[in-house]
Amino acid sequence: VQSDANGGLAPMAGADWLITRKHGGLYVAGDYTVFSERVFVNDSINPIDVTPGGRATDIEDMIRFTFAGMLFPLESQRFSPYIGMGIALSSIIGTNAQGTFVNRTQENLVLTTIQNFKTTVQPNLIAGAQLRLPFLSVFGHTTITRANNTFFLFTQPSWRMTFETGVRYNLGSSIDRLR
C-alpha cells in the first residue's frame, strides 16, 4: 500500500526478487500502483494569461522499479531482519490535460511539463524482516523514498512511505560453500 498525492492510500501489487548471500544481497522489484488524482499544470508563458490554479490534468496509476543493496544483521536460521539502500524509478502511466488550448505554444508547454513531471528517480531506504519456511518466506518491509519536487506526486513532507508484505518463493540456498 502506498500513500497517494493527497496522503490517502492506494493499492499496489508487484513482484520482487531478493538475492541473498550470508550477510548481504540484492533487492530488485517492480510494482504497479492504482490511483486517480487531479493536478494543476502551468499553461502559460505569459503571467497575465495564467489560468487560476493552472491547467487541470488527470493522472492515474504508477509503475515503479526498485534496486537496492541489502544487509542482513542479526540473521538466524529462520528469521532475518534486513536493511537496504538503493534507488527507485517511478513513472505515472496515464495523463490527460483537460480543456482546449488557445494555441500550439500553450499545448506544447503543457505537454512538455507533463512529460517532465511524470517520471523520477529517487533514493530509498528499506527496513524489514522475513521468516524463512521450508519452501517460502513471509516478509514485511517499509520503504522510505525521498520525493522529488519535479514529480507529480511530490507532497510535503518530501518523504513517502510504502509498506509491503507478501510471500517469497525460495529458489535455492544462500549459503557460501567452503571449497
Foldseek 3Di string as FASTA:
>chain_A
DWQFLVRHDWDKDWDKDWADADFKTKIKIKMKTWDKDWAADFQDPDPVPTDVRHWIKMFTMKMKIWIWIKGFPPDDPFKTKMKIKTKMKMFTDDMDTDDDHPDPVSVVRRVVLCVQAGIDMWMKMKTWMWTDDDFKIKIKMKIKTQADPSHPSQDPPRIIMDIDIDMGTDDDDNYDDDD
